[in-house]
Structures are given as structure tokens and as C-alpha cells.
N, C-alpha and C. Protein backbone atom coordinates (compact mmCIF):
# COMPACT_ATOMS: atom_id res chain seq x y z
N UNK A 1 -19.28 -7.93 17.51
CA UNK A 1 -18.17 -8.51 16.87
C UNK A 1 -17.02 -8.90 17.84
N UNK A 2 -16.56 -9.89 17.95
CA UNK A 2 -15.48 -10.20 18.67
C UNK A 2 -13.98 -9.55 18.32
N UNK A 3 -13.61 -8.95 18.96
CA UNK A 3 -12.06 -8.42 18.63
C UNK A 3 -10.98 -9.75 18.44
N UNK A 4 -11.46 -11.00 19.07
CA UNK A 4 -10.23 -12.01 18.71
C UNK A 4 -10.27 -12.51 17.38
N UNK A 5 -11.89 -12.38 16.47
CA UNK A 5 -11.90 -12.85 15.27
C UNK A 5 -11.73 -11.45 14.41
N UNK A 6 -11.04 -10.14 14.98
CA UNK A 6 -11.02 -9.16 13.85
C UNK A 6 -9.74 -9.55 12.91
N UNK A 7 -9.61 -9.25 11.74
CA UNK A 7 -8.51 -9.12 10.88
C UNK A 7 -7.73 -8.25 10.64
N UNK A 8 -6.65 -8.11 9.77
CA UNK A 8 -5.74 -7.12 9.60
C UNK A 8 -6.63 -5.83 9.42
N UNK A 9 -7.61 -6.15 8.47
CA UNK A 9 -8.66 -4.89 7.86
C UNK A 9 -9.46 -4.47 9.25
N UNK A 10 -9.79 -4.81 10.06
CA UNK A 10 -10.56 -4.15 11.22
C UNK A 10 -9.89 -3.47 11.97
N UNK A 11 -8.71 -4.15 12.46
CA UNK A 11 -7.28 -3.40 12.94
C UNK A 11 -7.11 -2.06 12.31
N UNK A 12 -6.76 -2.07 11.28
CA UNK A 12 -6.38 -0.88 10.62
C UNK A 12 -7.50 0.17 10.52
N UNK A 13 -8.48 -0.47 10.17
CA UNK A 13 -9.89 0.72 10.22
C UNK A 13 -10.06 1.22 11.70
N UNK A 14 -9.70 0.65 12.69
CA UNK A 14 -9.81 1.05 14.21
C UNK A 14 -8.47 2.09 14.28
N UNK A 15 -7.31 1.99 13.56
CA UNK A 15 -6.26 2.68 13.80
C UNK A 15 -6.75 4.05 12.88
N UNK A 16 -7.15 3.93 11.97
CA UNK A 16 -7.44 4.96 11.04
C UNK A 16 -8.44 6.09 11.75
N UNK A 17 -9.34 5.09 12.46
CA UNK A 17 -10.48 6.11 13.18
C UNK A 17 -9.68 6.86 14.24
N UNK A 18 -8.95 6.01 15.22
CA UNK A 18 -8.09 6.87 16.14
C UNK A 18 -7.35 7.99 15.66
N UNK A 19 -6.68 7.74 14.63
CA UNK A 19 -5.93 8.90 13.69
C UNK A 19 -6.61 9.96 13.66
N UNK A 20 -7.87 9.75 12.89
CA UNK A 20 -8.99 10.59 12.46
C UNK A 20 -9.16 11.47 13.74
N UNK A 21 -9.63 10.85 14.91
CA UNK A 21 -9.93 11.51 16.12
C UNK A 21 -8.88 12.24 16.64
N UNK A 22 -7.91 11.89 16.84
CA UNK A 22 -6.68 12.70 17.27
C UNK A 22 -6.28 13.89 16.28
N UNK A 23 -6.73 13.94 14.84
CA UNK A 23 -6.64 14.83 13.94
C UNK A 23 -7.86 15.97 14.16
N UNK A 24 -9.38 15.23 14.58
CA UNK A 24 -9.97 16.04 15.09
C UNK A 24 -9.56 17.22 16.44
N UNK A 25 -9.07 16.54 17.06
CA UNK A 25 -8.64 17.41 18.34
C UNK A 25 -7.73 18.34 18.04
N UNK A 26 -6.97 18.19 17.18
CA UNK A 26 -5.83 19.00 16.77
C UNK A 26 -6.49 20.09 15.74
N UNK A 27 -7.42 19.62 14.81
CA UNK A 27 -8.19 20.74 14.05
C UNK A 27 -9.18 21.72 15.05
N UNK A 28 -10.01 21.13 16.01
CA UNK A 28 -10.37 21.81 16.67
C UNK A 28 -9.92 22.87 17.55
N UNK A 29 -8.64 22.32 18.05
CA UNK A 29 -7.54 23.61 18.65
C UNK A 29 -6.99 24.84 17.95
N UNK A 30 -6.66 24.08 16.38
CA UNK A 30 -6.26 25.40 15.49
C UNK A 30 -7.51 26.04 15.13
N UNK A 31 -8.46 25.50 15.07
CA UNK A 31 -9.73 26.55 14.43
C UNK A 31 -9.91 27.30 15.49
N UNK A 32 -9.98 26.87 16.73
CA UNK A 32 -10.51 28.09 17.98
C UNK A 32 -9.25 29.19 18.04
N UNK A 33 -8.06 28.89 17.71
CA UNK A 33 -7.04 29.48 17.69
C UNK A 33 -7.17 30.64 16.14
N UNK A 34 -7.39 30.30 15.35
CA UNK A 34 -7.81 30.91 14.16
C UNK A 34 -8.81 32.04 14.70
N UNK A 35 -10.03 31.52 14.73
CA UNK A 35 -11.33 32.39 15.18
C UNK A 35 -10.77 33.34 15.86
N UNK A 36 -10.22 32.81 17.23
CA UNK A 36 -9.70 34.04 17.97
C UNK A 36 -8.87 35.10 17.35
N UNK A 37 -8.13 35.25 16.23
CA UNK A 37 -7.35 35.80 15.79
C UNK A 37 -7.96 36.60 14.63
N UNK A 38 -9.56 36.34 14.46
CA UNK A 38 -10.10 37.44 13.35
C UNK A 38 -10.54 36.12 12.31
N UNK A 39 -10.21 35.17 12.25
CA UNK A 39 -10.39 34.11 11.21
C UNK A 39 -11.88 34.03 11.07
N UNK A 40 -12.29 33.82 10.02
CA UNK A 40 -13.55 33.54 9.34
C UNK A 40 -13.74 32.06 9.18
N UNK A 41 -14.89 31.41 9.16
CA UNK A 41 -15.13 30.11 8.56
C UNK A 41 -16.00 30.28 7.07
N UNK A 42 -15.74 29.68 6.19
CA UNK A 42 -16.70 29.47 4.94
C UNK A 42 -16.96 28.01 4.65
N UNK A 43 -18.02 27.77 4.42
CA UNK A 43 -18.61 26.50 3.96
C UNK A 43 -19.12 25.69 5.20
N UNK A 44 -19.24 26.39 6.03
CA UNK A 44 -19.83 25.38 7.21
C UNK A 44 -21.25 24.36 6.86
N UNK A 45 -22.14 25.27 5.76
CA UNK A 45 -23.06 24.01 5.47
C UNK A 45 -22.71 22.86 5.17
N UNK A 46 -21.50 22.49 4.48
CA UNK A 46 -21.06 21.41 3.95
C UNK A 46 -20.48 20.76 4.73
N UNK A 47 -19.94 21.36 5.88
CA UNK A 47 -18.97 20.50 6.78
C UNK A 47 -19.50 19.24 7.49
N UNK A 48 -20.54 19.26 7.85
CA UNK A 48 -21.31 18.17 8.28
C UNK A 48 -21.32 17.17 7.56
N UNK A 49 -21.65 17.23 6.61
CA UNK A 49 -21.78 16.44 5.08
C UNK A 49 -20.37 15.26 5.06
N UNK A 50 -19.00 16.21 5.46
CA UNK A 50 -17.88 15.69 5.02
C UNK A 50 -17.52 14.77 6.21
N UNK A 51 -18.03 15.13 7.54
CA UNK A 51 -17.75 14.49 8.61
C UNK A 51 -18.62 13.11 8.40
N UNK A 52 -19.92 13.30 8.29
CA UNK A 52 -20.67 12.03 7.44
C UNK A 52 -20.20 11.13 6.81
N UNK A 53 -19.49 11.42 5.86
CA UNK A 53 -19.29 10.63 4.88
C UNK A 53 -17.91 9.70 5.17
N UNK A 54 -16.94 10.62 6.12
CA UNK A 54 -15.73 9.83 6.39
C UNK A 54 -16.11 8.73 7.35
N UNK A 55 -17.33 9.39 8.58
CA UNK A 55 -17.59 8.24 9.32
C UNK A 55 -18.27 7.18 8.82
N UNK A 56 -18.92 7.44 8.00
CA UNK A 56 -19.97 6.30 7.26
C UNK A 56 -19.18 5.58 6.45
N UNK A 57 -18.10 5.83 5.93
CA UNK A 57 -16.88 5.55 4.99
C UNK A 57 -16.09 4.27 6.06
N UNK A 58 -15.77 4.71 7.25
CA UNK A 58 -15.01 3.69 8.08
C UNK A 58 -16.04 3.01 8.95
N UNK A 59 -17.34 3.40 9.14
CA UNK A 59 -18.06 2.01 9.72
C UNK A 59 -18.62 1.10 8.52
N UNK A 60 -18.80 1.83 7.19
CA UNK A 60 -19.05 0.70 6.35
C UNK A 60 -17.92 -0.38 5.99
N UNK A 61 -16.65 0.11 6.20
CA UNK A 61 -15.74 -0.56 6.00
C UNK A 61 -15.48 -1.83 6.93
N UNK A 62 -15.77 -1.19 8.20
CA UNK A 62 -15.66 -2.37 9.39
C UNK A 62 -16.64 -3.29 9.30
N UNK A 63 -17.86 -2.78 8.98
CA UNK A 63 -18.82 -3.78 8.89
C UNK A 63 -19.16 -4.77 7.32
N UNK A 64 -18.65 -4.60 6.84
CA UNK A 64 -18.58 -5.02 5.49
C UNK A 64 -17.43 -6.23 4.93
N UNK A 65 -16.27 -5.36 5.07
CA UNK A 65 -14.95 -6.48 4.96
C UNK A 65 -15.12 -7.33 5.89
N UNK A 66 -15.32 -8.90 5.62
CA UNK A 66 -15.24 -10.06 6.49
C UNK A 66 -14.03 -9.70 7.27
N UNK A 67 -14.16 -10.44 8.64
CA UNK A 67 -12.86 -10.75 9.31
C UNK A 67 -11.89 -11.67 8.68
N UNK A 68 -11.13 -11.46 9.04
CA UNK A 68 -9.94 -12.61 8.06
C UNK A 68 -9.83 -12.42 6.67
N UNK A 69 -10.36 -11.39 5.96
CA UNK A 69 -10.12 -10.91 4.79
C UNK A 69 -8.40 -10.64 4.56
N UNK A 70 -8.23 -11.53 3.46
CA UNK A 70 -6.43 -10.96 3.26
C UNK A 70 -6.46 -10.14 2.32
N UNK A 71 -5.54 -8.99 2.91
CA UNK A 71 -5.77 -7.79 1.95
C UNK A 71 -4.59 -7.84 0.97
N UNK A 72 -4.93 -7.02 0.20
CA UNK A 72 -3.53 -7.15 -0.92
C UNK A 72 -2.38 -6.03 -0.17
N UNK A 73 -1.18 -6.85 0.03
CA UNK A 73 -0.59 -5.63 0.85
C UNK A 73 0.50 -4.68 -0.07
N UNK A 74 0.45 -4.64 -1.36
CA UNK A 74 0.62 -3.53 -2.01
C UNK A 74 -0.11 -2.54 -1.87
N UNK A 75 -1.51 -2.55 -1.78
CA UNK A 75 -2.30 -1.51 -1.84
C UNK A 75 -2.24 -0.95 -0.15
N UNK A 76 -2.30 -2.00 0.74
CA UNK A 76 -2.27 -1.36 2.23
C UNK A 76 -1.08 -1.08 2.12
N UNK A 77 0.16 -0.92 1.41
CA UNK A 77 1.21 -0.63 1.94
C UNK A 77 1.46 1.22 1.17
N UNK A 78 0.83 1.05 0.23
CA UNK A 78 0.30 2.36 -0.35
C UNK A 78 -0.64 3.32 0.34
N UNK A 79 -1.50 2.75 0.93
CA UNK A 79 -2.41 3.39 1.94
C UNK A 79 -1.51 4.06 3.03
N UNK A 80 -0.84 3.31 3.60
CA UNK A 80 0.19 3.47 4.73
C UNK A 80 1.08 4.69 4.02
N UNK A 81 1.43 4.99 3.09
CA UNK A 81 2.13 5.99 2.46
C UNK A 81 1.45 7.07 2.32
N UNK A 82 0.30 6.91 2.05
CA UNK A 82 -0.53 8.19 2.14
C UNK A 82 -0.63 8.71 3.32
N UNK A 83 -0.75 7.65 4.47
CA UNK A 83 -0.82 8.69 5.86
C UNK A 83 0.59 9.44 5.98
N UNK A 84 1.63 9.08 5.42
CA UNK A 84 2.82 9.65 5.73
C UNK A 84 2.73 11.19 4.99
N UNK A 85 2.01 11.19 3.75
CA UNK A 85 1.67 12.34 3.21
C UNK A 85 0.81 13.06 3.78
N UNK A 86 -0.47 12.74 4.54
CA UNK A 86 -1.20 13.29 5.24
C UNK A 86 -0.35 14.06 6.69
N UNK A 87 0.16 13.47 7.21
CA UNK A 87 1.22 14.00 8.13
C UNK A 87 1.88 15.13 7.42
N UNK A 88 2.61 14.98 6.32
CA UNK A 88 3.18 16.09 5.53
C UNK A 88 2.51 17.27 5.47
N UNK A 89 1.20 17.06 4.80
CA UNK A 89 0.55 18.23 4.77
C UNK A 89 0.22 18.95 5.98
N UNK A 90 -0.28 18.16 7.05
CA UNK A 90 -0.58 18.65 8.34
C UNK A 90 0.70 19.68 9.14
N UNK A 91 1.78 19.01 8.89
CA UNK A 91 2.81 19.67 9.42
C UNK A 91 3.17 20.89 8.67
N UNK A 92 2.99 20.79 7.33
CA UNK A 92 3.49 22.00 6.28
C UNK A 92 2.44 23.14 6.61
N UNK A 93 1.09 23.01 7.05
CA UNK A 93 0.14 23.86 7.24
C UNK A 93 0.53 24.15 8.69
N UNK A 94 0.64 23.50 9.53
CA UNK A 94 1.15 23.67 10.92
C UNK A 94 -0.29 24.28 11.58
N UNK A 95 -0.14 25.72 12.25
CA UNK A 95 -1.09 26.35 12.85
C UNK A 95 -2.43 26.36 11.90
N UNK A 96 -2.40 26.33 11.01
CA UNK A 96 -3.29 26.88 9.97
C UNK A 96 -3.88 25.38 9.42
N UNK A 97 -3.70 24.38 9.98
CA UNK A 97 -4.12 23.09 9.46
C UNK A 97 -5.62 22.81 10.45
N UNK A 98 -6.26 22.62 9.41
CA UNK A 98 -7.95 22.70 10.12
C UNK A 98 -8.58 21.65 9.37
N UNK A 99 -9.76 21.03 9.57
CA UNK A 99 -10.83 20.10 9.14
C UNK A 99 -11.85 21.14 8.30
N UNK A 100 -11.61 22.42 8.69
CA UNK A 100 -12.69 23.50 8.29
C UNK A 100 -12.05 24.36 7.46
N UNK A 101 -13.01 25.21 6.98
CA UNK A 101 -12.20 26.13 5.78
C UNK A 101 -12.11 27.30 6.77
N UNK A 102 -11.02 27.64 7.31
CA UNK A 102 -11.05 29.05 8.03
C UNK A 102 -9.90 29.90 7.69
N UNK A 103 -10.06 31.31 7.00
CA UNK A 103 -9.31 32.10 6.33
C UNK A 103 -8.90 33.25 7.61
N UNK A 104 -7.79 33.65 7.62
CA UNK A 104 -7.46 34.84 8.49
C UNK A 104 -6.89 35.90 7.45
N UNK A 105 -7.65 37.13 7.80
CA UNK A 105 -7.02 38.20 6.75
C UNK A 105 -5.46 38.36 7.08
N UNK A 106 -4.96 38.66 5.98
CA UNK A 106 -3.56 38.86 6.00
C UNK A 106 -2.23 37.85 6.24
N UNK A 107 -3.07 36.50 6.67
CA UNK A 107 -2.02 35.55 6.85
C UNK A 107 -1.40 35.37 5.44
N UNK A 108 -0.07 34.69 5.61
CA UNK A 108 0.32 34.30 4.42
C UNK A 108 -0.19 32.98 3.99
N UNK A 109 -0.49 32.63 2.46
CA UNK A 109 -0.63 31.43 2.15
C UNK A 109 0.71 30.88 2.27
N UNK A 110 0.40 29.52 2.59
CA UNK A 110 1.44 28.42 3.05
C UNK A 110 1.72 27.74 1.75
N UNK A 111 3.15 27.90 1.25
CA UNK A 111 3.87 27.62 0.44
C UNK A 111 5.05 26.46 0.32
N UNK A 112 5.19 26.00 1.45
CA UNK A 112 5.95 24.81 1.71
C UNK A 112 5.45 23.40 1.56
N UNK A 113 6.32 22.75 1.59
CA UNK A 113 6.03 21.11 1.79
C UNK A 113 5.14 20.73 0.56
N UNK A 114 3.97 19.98 0.44
CA UNK A 114 3.32 19.67 -0.63
C UNK A 114 2.71 21.00 -1.48
N UNK A 115 2.29 21.59 -1.03
CA UNK A 115 1.72 23.09 -1.29
C UNK A 115 2.74 23.81 -2.26
N UNK A 116 3.95 23.37 -2.44
CA UNK A 116 4.94 24.08 -3.52
C UNK A 116 4.38 23.82 -4.70
N UNK A 117 3.91 22.78 -4.89
CA UNK A 117 3.21 22.08 -6.25
C UNK A 117 2.04 21.96 -6.44
N UNK A 118 1.19 21.54 -5.36
CA UNK A 118 -0.07 21.24 -5.59
C UNK A 118 -1.10 22.15 -4.60
N UNK A 119 -2.17 22.72 -5.12
CA UNK A 119 -2.89 23.72 -4.14
C UNK A 119 -3.83 22.85 -3.08
N UNK A 120 -4.15 21.64 -3.79
CA UNK A 120 -4.86 21.19 -2.30
C UNK A 120 -4.64 19.50 -2.30
N UNK A 121 -3.16 19.53 -1.55
CA UNK A 121 -2.85 18.07 -1.73
C UNK A 121 -3.56 17.29 -0.85
N UNK A 122 -4.34 17.86 0.32
CA UNK A 122 -5.00 16.89 1.11
C UNK A 122 -6.09 16.44 0.48
N UNK A 123 -6.92 16.84 -0.49
CA UNK A 123 -8.07 16.42 -0.94
C UNK A 123 -7.40 15.29 -1.78
N UNK A 124 -6.20 15.52 -2.65
CA UNK A 124 -6.08 14.35 -3.43
C UNK A 124 -5.47 13.19 -2.53
N UNK A 125 -5.03 13.47 -1.25
CA UNK A 125 -4.60 12.41 -0.62
C UNK A 125 -5.79 11.59 -0.02
N UNK A 126 -6.74 12.37 0.50
CA UNK A 126 -8.34 11.87 1.11
C UNK A 126 -9.03 10.80 -0.23
N UNK A 127 -9.05 11.65 -1.50
CA UNK A 127 -9.52 10.94 -2.30
C UNK A 127 -8.66 9.62 -2.38
N UNK A 128 -7.95 9.38 -2.77
CA UNK A 128 -7.08 7.98 -2.71
C UNK A 128 -7.10 7.50 -1.51
N UNK A 129 -7.38 7.64 -0.42
CA UNK A 129 -7.33 6.99 0.78
C UNK A 129 -8.63 6.30 0.74
N UNK A 130 -9.87 6.90 0.19
CA UNK A 130 -11.20 6.50 0.41
C UNK A 130 -11.35 5.82 -0.89
N UNK A 131 -10.15 5.54 -1.80
CA UNK A 131 -10.33 4.25 -2.86
C UNK A 131 -9.60 3.42 -2.39
N UNK A 132 -8.24 3.50 -1.76
CA UNK A 132 -7.44 2.59 -1.61
C UNK A 132 -8.13 1.80 -0.47
N UNK A 133 -8.32 2.09 0.73
CA UNK A 133 -8.64 1.03 1.48
C UNK A 133 -9.45 -0.10 1.30
N UNK A 134 -10.87 0.33 0.77
CA UNK A 134 -11.49 -0.91 0.40
C UNK A 134 -11.09 -1.45 -0.50
N UNK A 135 -10.65 -1.10 -1.79
CA UNK A 135 -9.74 -1.68 -2.53
C UNK A 135 -8.60 -2.77 -2.10
N UNK A 136 -8.01 -2.16 -1.28
CA UNK A 136 -7.05 -3.02 -0.60
C UNK A 136 -7.78 -4.81 -0.17
N UNK A 137 -9.05 -4.65 0.54
CA UNK A 137 -9.44 -5.70 0.84
C UNK A 137 -10.67 -6.30 -0.11
N UNK A 138 -10.34 -5.81 -1.34
CA UNK A 138 -11.12 -6.43 -2.41
C UNK A 138 -12.76 -5.94 -2.55
N UNK A 139 -13.22 -4.69 -1.98
CA UNK A 139 -14.29 -4.23 -2.07
C UNK A 139 -14.43 -2.73 -3.07
N UNK A 140 -14.67 -3.08 -4.38
CA UNK A 140 -14.70 -2.12 -5.02
C UNK A 140 -16.08 -1.34 -5.16
N UNK A 141 -17.07 -1.74 -4.65
CA UNK A 141 -18.40 -1.49 -4.57
C UNK A 141 -18.04 -0.18 -3.42
N UNK A 142 -17.61 -0.47 -2.40
CA UNK A 142 -17.52 0.79 -1.16
C UNK A 142 -16.69 1.62 -1.97
N UNK A 143 -15.61 1.21 -2.71
CA UNK A 143 -14.47 2.35 -3.21
C UNK A 143 -15.16 3.38 -3.83
N UNK A 144 -16.12 2.80 -5.02
CA UNK A 144 -16.86 3.36 -5.94
C UNK A 144 -17.83 4.23 -5.22
N UNK A 145 -18.75 4.11 -4.60
CA UNK A 145 -19.77 4.84 -3.71
C UNK A 145 -18.87 5.49 -2.97
N UNK A 146 -18.17 5.43 -2.21
CA UNK A 146 -17.57 6.59 -1.24
C UNK A 146 -16.70 7.70 -2.22
N UNK A 147 -16.00 7.25 -3.28
CA UNK A 147 -15.39 7.98 -4.25
C UNK A 147 -16.13 9.11 -4.72
N UNK A 148 -17.11 8.43 -5.54
CA UNK A 148 -18.35 9.12 -5.92
C UNK A 148 -18.76 10.19 -5.02
N UNK A 149 -19.31 9.80 -3.76
CA UNK A 149 -19.83 10.80 -2.66
C UNK A 149 -18.80 11.94 -2.60
N UNK A 150 -17.73 11.64 -2.30
CA UNK A 150 -16.18 12.31 -1.91
C UNK A 150 -16.28 13.24 -3.14
N UNK A 151 -16.25 12.94 -4.43
CA UNK A 151 -16.06 13.66 -5.55
C UNK A 151 -17.06 15.02 -5.41
N UNK A 152 -18.49 14.45 -5.28
CA UNK A 152 -19.42 15.46 -5.16
C UNK A 152 -19.25 16.26 -4.15
N UNK A 153 -19.09 15.77 -2.84
CA UNK A 153 -18.82 17.02 -1.61
C UNK A 153 -17.72 18.07 -2.22
N UNK A 154 -16.49 17.31 -2.79
CA UNK A 154 -15.03 18.05 -3.23
C UNK A 154 -15.62 19.06 -4.35
N UNK A 155 -16.44 18.68 -4.85
CA UNK A 155 -17.11 20.04 -6.07
C UNK A 155 -17.58 21.08 -5.25
N UNK A 156 -17.99 20.70 -4.18
CA UNK A 156 -18.68 21.67 -3.49
C UNK A 156 -17.63 23.11 -2.73
N UNK A 157 -16.93 21.65 -1.71
CA UNK A 157 -15.79 22.54 -1.09
C UNK A 157 -14.43 23.18 -1.82
N UNK A 158 -13.82 22.47 -2.58
CA UNK A 158 -12.73 23.14 -3.27
C UNK A 158 -13.07 24.58 -3.79
N UNK A 159 -14.12 24.84 -4.41
CA UNK A 159 -14.46 26.12 -5.19
C UNK A 159 -14.95 26.94 -4.07
N UNK A 160 -15.29 26.69 -2.78
CA UNK A 160 -15.64 27.50 -1.32
C UNK A 160 -14.18 27.64 -0.82
N UNK A 161 -13.14 26.95 -0.78
CA UNK A 161 -12.04 27.01 -0.15
C UNK A 161 -11.36 28.05 -1.08
N UNK A 162 -11.24 27.89 -2.54
CA UNK A 162 -10.77 28.75 -3.80
C UNK A 162 -11.17 30.26 -3.61
N UNK A 163 -12.72 30.47 -3.30
CA UNK A 163 -12.99 31.70 -2.93
C UNK A 163 -12.61 32.51 -2.01
N UNK A 164 -12.50 31.50 -0.67
CA UNK A 164 -12.14 31.82 0.57
C UNK A 164 -10.91 32.50 0.33
N UNK A 165 -9.97 31.92 -0.32
CA UNK A 165 -8.36 32.16 -0.31
C UNK A 165 -7.95 33.08 -1.47
N UNK A 166 -8.95 33.47 -2.32
CA UNK A 166 -8.84 34.17 -3.35
C UNK A 166 -7.74 35.64 -3.09
N UNK A 167 -8.86 36.04 -2.29
CA UNK A 167 -8.16 37.46 -1.86
C UNK A 167 -6.67 37.74 -1.20
N UNK A 168 -6.32 36.58 -0.86
CA UNK A 168 -4.87 36.33 -0.09
C UNK A 168 -4.00 35.98 -1.22
N UNK A 169 -4.03 35.31 -2.52
CA UNK A 169 -3.36 34.92 -3.57
C UNK A 169 -2.64 36.31 -3.94
N UNK A 170 -1.45 36.29 -4.13
CA UNK A 170 -0.72 37.61 -4.61
C UNK A 170 0.63 36.99 -5.42
């Protein structure tokens, strides 16, 4: 694919991929620090599936959305607002933010930012992102397929995370 022929969809997908790679670097650093502090990982078995889902989502979007597709500016704007919410989640969790489920005994549960109101705001944001980006470029089939796959994985991940954090709720 020639970058000269790419449209807004391809550039936006590349930007999201670069953002996610940066997040993985931060997550890896935080994970290593938390494990060194005595943290333990829960749900390691499904983590690879989550990475695969997100990678496949981006690759599918890049390959399926034709260059030059005119996007819905309202949905693109909504997607961009979700990126602000995503950063809010990361900043709110600070050193505890990671893409894995790492729990550190006696560490306080984060109750600031969106965590004041919602237990798993990042999962809500991700679910909206997975649906919104393909819909912004008119691909409801990708939105449906990846939303369903994400829902299945979250039905495993969220209970695993809740079990890991249950001992720290007070």
C-alpha cells in the first residue's frame, strides 16, 4: 500500500497503533516495577488473546477500509474524545497502570479520576473504541465482529480482575 494514497482512516489507524505501542512500553515498565515490589500477575492465560484481538482489529481496519473513505467526522471526534478519556485513566492509575492484571498486596485501590464513578473505565473506553473506529468509516461488520470478540474476552478478564482485587476492597 502506497502511503501517498492513504486517507484519514489509514493515518488515524497508524496513529492509534503508535499510541498503543507507547502504552505497551509504559505498561511493561510499570509491570516490571510492580512485580519487583511483590505484585503478582493474574489472568496471564488470556492476555495473549487480548493482544491478538487488538492487533487484529488495527490490521483489519487498515486493510479493509479503502483509502480515501470519507469518515463520519462526528464519530471520529467521539473516538478522539475517547483518547482523552484513555489518558485520564492512565494518569489516574499512575504507576499502577498496566495492560496486565497485576495486584500488589496492601496497595491502595485507586479511587480518583474516573475510578470515583466506574470500576473499570478503561474497559468501557476500549469497548467504545473498538466499535466507533470502524463505524466512523462505515464498516459495521468489523465493528460487530470485534465488539463481540472483545465482549467475550472481557467476560473472562473482568471477573479475573475483580477476584484479584477483591481482597483489597475495603
